[in-house]
C-alpha atoms as a PDB file:
ATOM      1  CA  MET A   1     -20.003 -16.366  -6.481  1.00  0.00           C
ATOM      2  CA  LYS A   2     -18.785 -17.903  -9.545  1.00  0.00           C
ATOM      3  CA  PHE A   3     -18.969 -15.018 -11.150  1.00  0.00           C
ATOM      4  CA  LEU A   4     -16.896 -13.304  -8.301  1.00  0.00           C
ATOM      5  CA  GLY A   5     -14.411 -16.445  -8.654  1.00  0.00           C
ATOM      6  CA  LEU A   6     -13.776 -15.458 -12.463  1.00  0.00           C
ATOM      7  CA  LEU A   7     -13.804 -11.846 -12.255  1.00  0.00           C
ATOM      8  CA  PHE A   8     -10.242 -12.768  -9.537  1.00  0.00           C
ATOM      9  CA  LEU A   9      -8.797 -15.518 -11.560  1.00  0.00           C
ATOM     10  CA  SER A  10      -9.029 -12.880 -14.519  1.00  0.00           C
ATOM     11  CA  HIS A  11      -7.383 -10.447 -12.917  1.00  0.00           C
ATOM     12  CA  LEU A  12      -4.825 -12.615 -11.938  1.00  0.00           C
ATOM     13  CA  LEU A  13      -4.372 -13.608 -15.452  1.00  0.00           C
ATOM     14  CA  PHE A  14      -4.355 -10.745 -17.239  1.00  0.00           C
ATOM     15  CA  ALA A  15      -2.830  -8.440 -14.903  1.00  0.00           C
ATOM     16  CA  GLU A  16       0.580  -7.060 -15.970  1.00  0.00           C
ATOM     17  CA  LEU A  17       3.283  -6.241 -13.057  1.00  0.00           C
ATOM     18  CA  ILE A  18       5.907  -4.188 -13.881  1.00  0.00           C
ATOM     19  CA  VAL A  19       9.179  -3.943 -11.437  1.00  0.00           C
ATOM     20  CA  GLN A  20      11.103  -1.277 -11.526  1.00  0.00           C
ATOM     21  CA  SER A  21      14.266   0.065  -9.757  1.00  0.00           C
ATOM     22  CA  ASN A  22      12.610   1.829  -6.418  1.00  0.00           C
ATOM     23  CA  SER A  23       8.773   0.778  -6.978  1.00  0.00           C
ATOM     24  CA  VAL A  24       6.264  -1.819  -8.219  1.00  0.00           C
ATOM     25  CA  ILE A  25       3.571  -0.794 -11.284  1.00  0.00           C
ATOM     26  CA  ASP A  26       0.233  -2.447 -11.351  1.00  0.00           C
ATOM     27  CA  THR A  27      -1.160  -1.863 -14.919  1.00  0.00           C
ATOM     28  CA  THR A  28      -4.122  -3.256 -13.750  1.00  0.00           C
ATOM     29  CA  THR A  29      -4.949  -0.864 -11.091  1.00  0.00           C
ATOM     30  CA  ARG A  30      -2.777   2.063 -12.682  1.00  0.00           C
ATOM     31  CA  LEU A  31      -1.310   2.185  -9.100  1.00  0.00           C
ATOM     32  CA  GLU A  32       2.561   2.432  -8.788  1.00  0.00           C
ATOM     33  CA  TRP A  33       3.673   1.587  -5.439  1.00  0.00           C
ATOM     34  CA  GLN A  34       7.187   2.672  -4.008  1.00  0.00           C
ATOM     35  CA  ASP A  35       9.469  -0.302  -3.018  1.00  0.00           C
ATOM     36  CA  THR A  36      12.376   0.284  -0.751  1.00  0.00           C
ATOM     37  CA  ALA A  37      14.475  -0.118   1.914  1.00  0.00           C
ATOM     38  CA  GLU A  38      12.314   2.798   3.876  1.00  0.00           C
ATOM     39  CA  ASN A  39       9.481   0.511   3.844  1.00  0.00           C
ATOM     40  CA  ALA A  40      10.824  -2.526   5.516  1.00  0.00           C
ATOM     41  CA  GLN A  41      13.304  -0.241   7.922  1.00  0.00           C
ATOM     42  CA  ARG A  42      10.685   2.573   9.292  1.00  0.00           C
ATOM     43  CA  GLU A  43       7.604   3.227  11.147  1.00  0.00           C
ATOM     44  CA  ARG A  44       6.612   6.918  11.502  1.00  0.00           C
ATOM     45  CA  LYS A  45       3.227   8.668  12.993  1.00  0.00           C
ATOM     46  CA  TRP A  46       0.488   8.939  11.001  1.00  0.00           C
ATOM     47  CA  ARG A  47       0.785  12.218   9.959  1.00  0.00           C
ATOM     48  CA  ASP A  48       4.394  12.193   9.816  1.00  0.00           C
ATOM     49  CA  SER A  49       3.996   9.542   7.425  1.00  0.00           C
ATOM     50  CA  GLU A  50       1.649  11.461   5.265  1.00  0.00           C
ATOM     51  CA  VAL A  51       4.059  14.077   4.987  1.00  0.00           C
ATOM     52  CA  TYR A  52       6.436  11.879   3.952  1.00  0.00           C
ATOM     53  CA  CYS A  53       4.401  10.837   1.022  1.00  0.00           C
ATOM     54  CA  LYS A  54       3.287  14.250   0.122  1.00  0.00           C
ATOM     55  CA  THR A  55       7.168  15.053  -0.298  1.00  0.00           C
ATOM     56  CA  LEU A  56       8.419  11.791  -1.829  1.00  0.00           C
ATOM     57  CA  ASP A  57      10.660  11.999  -4.682  1.00  0.00           C
ATOM     58  CA  VAL A  58      10.997   8.062  -5.958  1.00  0.00           C
ATOM     59  CA  ASP A  59      12.477   7.841  -9.760  1.00  0.00           C
ATOM     60  CA  LYS A  60      11.586  12.201 -10.677  1.00  0.00           C
ATOM     61  CA  HIS A  61       7.671  11.577  -9.250  1.00  0.00           C
ATOM     62  CA  TYR A  62       6.376  13.999  -6.707  1.00  0.00           C
ATOM     63  CA  ASP A  63       2.840  12.796  -6.845  1.00  0.00           C
ATOM     64  CA  TRP A  64       2.954  10.330  -3.943  1.00  0.00           C
ATOM     65  CA  ARG A  65       0.083   9.362  -1.550  1.00  0.00           C
ATOM     66  CA  LEU A  66      -0.905   7.306   1.469  1.00  0.00           C
ATOM     67  CA  PRO A  67      -2.617   4.903   0.095  1.00  0.00           C
ATOM     68  CA  THR A  68      -6.523   4.113   0.798  1.00  0.00           C
ATOM     69  CA  VAL A  69      -7.586   0.746   2.707  1.00  0.00           C
ATOM     70  CA  LYS A  70      -8.543  -0.378  -0.413  1.00  0.00           C
ATOM     71  CA  GLU A  71      -5.716  -0.031  -2.395  1.00  0.00           C
ATOM     72  CA  LEU A  72      -3.783  -1.553   0.857  1.00  0.00           C
ATOM     73  CA  GLN A  73      -6.272  -4.281   0.020  1.00  0.00           C
ATOM     74  CA  SER A  74      -5.218  -4.954  -3.333  1.00  0.00           C
ATOM     75  CA  ILE A  75      -1.539  -5.391  -2.774  1.00  0.00           C
ATOM     76  CA  VAL A  76      -2.154  -7.704   0.417  1.00  0.00           C
ATOM     77  CA  SER A  77      -4.994 -10.487  -1.303  1.00  0.00           C
ATOM     78  CA  GLU A  78      -2.896 -10.693  -4.719  1.00  0.00           C
ATOM     79  CA  PRO A  79      -0.140 -13.361  -3.754  1.00  0.00           C
ATOM     80  CA  GLN A  80       1.869 -12.585  -7.195  1.00  0.00           C
ATOM     81  CA  GLU A  81       1.797  -8.849  -6.016  1.00  0.00           C
ATOM     82  CA  LYS A  82       3.134  -9.678  -2.932  1.00  0.00           C
ATOM     83  CA  ASN A  83       5.913 -11.430  -4.170  1.00  0.00           C
ATOM     84  CA  LEU A  84       7.134  -8.916  -6.470  1.00  0.00           C
ATOM     85  CA  PHE A  85       7.967  -6.513  -3.488  1.00  0.00           C
ATOM     86  CA  ARG A  86      11.720  -6.393  -2.395  1.00  0.00           C
ATOM     87  CA  PHE A  87      10.964  -4.709   0.539  1.00  0.00           C
ATOM     88  CA  ILE A  88       8.086  -5.752   2.694  1.00  0.00           C
ATOM     89  CA  VAL A  89       7.033  -6.800   6.428  1.00  0.00           C
ATOM     90  CA  LYS A  90       4.337  -8.602   7.763  1.00  0.00           C
ATOM     91  CA  ASP A  91       3.243  -6.062  10.060  1.00  0.00           C
ATOM     92  CA  SER A  92       0.566  -3.061   9.999  1.00  0.00           C
ATOM     93  CA  TYR A  93       0.641  -0.354   7.488  1.00  0.00           C
ATOM     94  CA  TRP A  94      -1.234   2.993   7.356  1.00  0.00           C
ATOM     95  CA  SER A  95      -3.598   3.740   4.817  1.00  0.00           C
ATOM     96  CA  ARG A  96      -4.933   7.507   4.348  1.00  0.00           C
ATOM     97  CA  ASP A  97      -8.461   6.674   5.892  1.00  0.00           C
ATOM     98  CA  GLU A  98      -9.297   8.052   8.931  1.00  0.00           C
ATOM     99  CA  ASP A  99     -11.854   6.918  11.123  1.00  0.00           C
ATOM    100  CA  GLY A 100     -13.758   9.759  11.740  1.00  0.00           C
ATOM    101  CA  SER A 101     -12.311  10.761  15.046  1.00  0.00           C
ATOM    102  CA  ILE A 102      -9.488  13.302  15.336  1.00  0.00           C
ATOM    103  CA  ILE A 103      -7.905  10.377  16.878  1.00  0.00           C
ATOM    104  CA  ASP A 104      -7.654   7.105  14.975  1.00  0.00           C
ATOM    105  CA  ALA A 105      -7.420   5.932  11.246  1.00  0.00           C
ATOM    106  CA  TYR A 106      -7.291   3.100   9.644  1.00  0.00           C
ATOM    107  CA  GLN A 107      -4.178   0.359   9.139  1.00  0.00           C
ATOM    108  CA  VAL A 108      -3.893  -3.107   7.227  1.00  0.00           C
ATOM    109  CA  TYR A 109      -2.166  -5.729   8.294  1.00  0.00           C
ATOM    110  CA  PHE A 110      -0.198  -7.579   5.713  1.00  0.00           C
ATOM    111  CA  GLY A 111      -0.338 -10.927   6.896  1.00  0.00           C
ATOM    112  CA  ASN A 112      -3.963 -11.461   6.096  1.00  0.00           C
ATOM    113  CA  GLY A 113      -5.138  -8.474   5.207  1.00  0.00           C
ATOM    114  CA  HIS A 114      -7.274  -7.545   8.511  1.00  0.00           C
ATOM    115  CA  VAL A 115      -8.414  -3.624   9.094  1.00  0.00           C
ATOM    116  CA  SER A 116      -8.584  -1.950  12.281  1.00  0.00           C
ATOM    117  CA  THR A 117      -8.008   1.663  13.352  1.00  0.00           C
ATOM    118  CA  TRP A 118      -4.924   2.638  15.617  1.00  0.00           C
ATOM    119  CA  ASN A 119      -3.957   6.112  17.321  1.00  0.00           C
ATOM    120  CA  LYS A 120      -2.027   8.031  15.369  1.00  0.00           C
ATOM    121  CA  CYS A 121       0.122   9.174  17.376  1.00  0.00           C
ATOM    122  CA  GLU A 122       1.271   5.810  17.547  1.00  0.00           C
ATOM    123  CA  THR A 123       3.710   4.474  14.853  1.00  0.00           C
ATOM    124  CA  LEU A 124       3.220   1.657  11.962  1.00  0.00           C
ATOM    125  CA  HIS A 125       4.619   0.886   8.448  1.00  0.00           C
ATOM    126  CA  TYR A 126       3.777   3.079   5.420  1.00  0.00           C
ATOM    127  CA  ARG A 127       3.973   2.452   1.776  1.00  0.00           C
ATOM    128  CA  CYS A 128       3.402   5.262  -0.727  1.00  0.00           C
ATOM    129  CA  VAL A 129       1.606   5.202  -3.948  1.00  0.00           C
ATOM    130  CA  ARG A 130       0.822   7.175  -6.994  1.00  0.00           C
ATOM    131  CA  SER A 131      -1.424   7.262  -9.880  1.00  0.00           C
ATOM    132  CA  HIS A 132       0.161   5.717 -12.977  1.00  0.00           C
END
């Protein structure tokens, strides 16, 4: 347990987060997160969120996608990262992970990192990510 605490602390100490005009880059995970007003103002169905990310152009990068549950949880659990996002809503965000049915996909609540399934036909917030 002490090792996990040290590992978490070392991530906080050595994580370098770079805020750009429309994104936040975590050099530790090598992920770049979309950070635009679109993230806070709109909700979409799961499939529409997936298509939106795949066709997104932010700062001349075109390889965006919906994040995994694990990737989303990484920005919910790190207080310093949450503070770097200019456009964030304490609400549920789609992940790309499906639950094995054709009806539901996983979502992460940004208030506490709770994961649950949600009907893909409902609308939720979304935040696109790309490998940096």
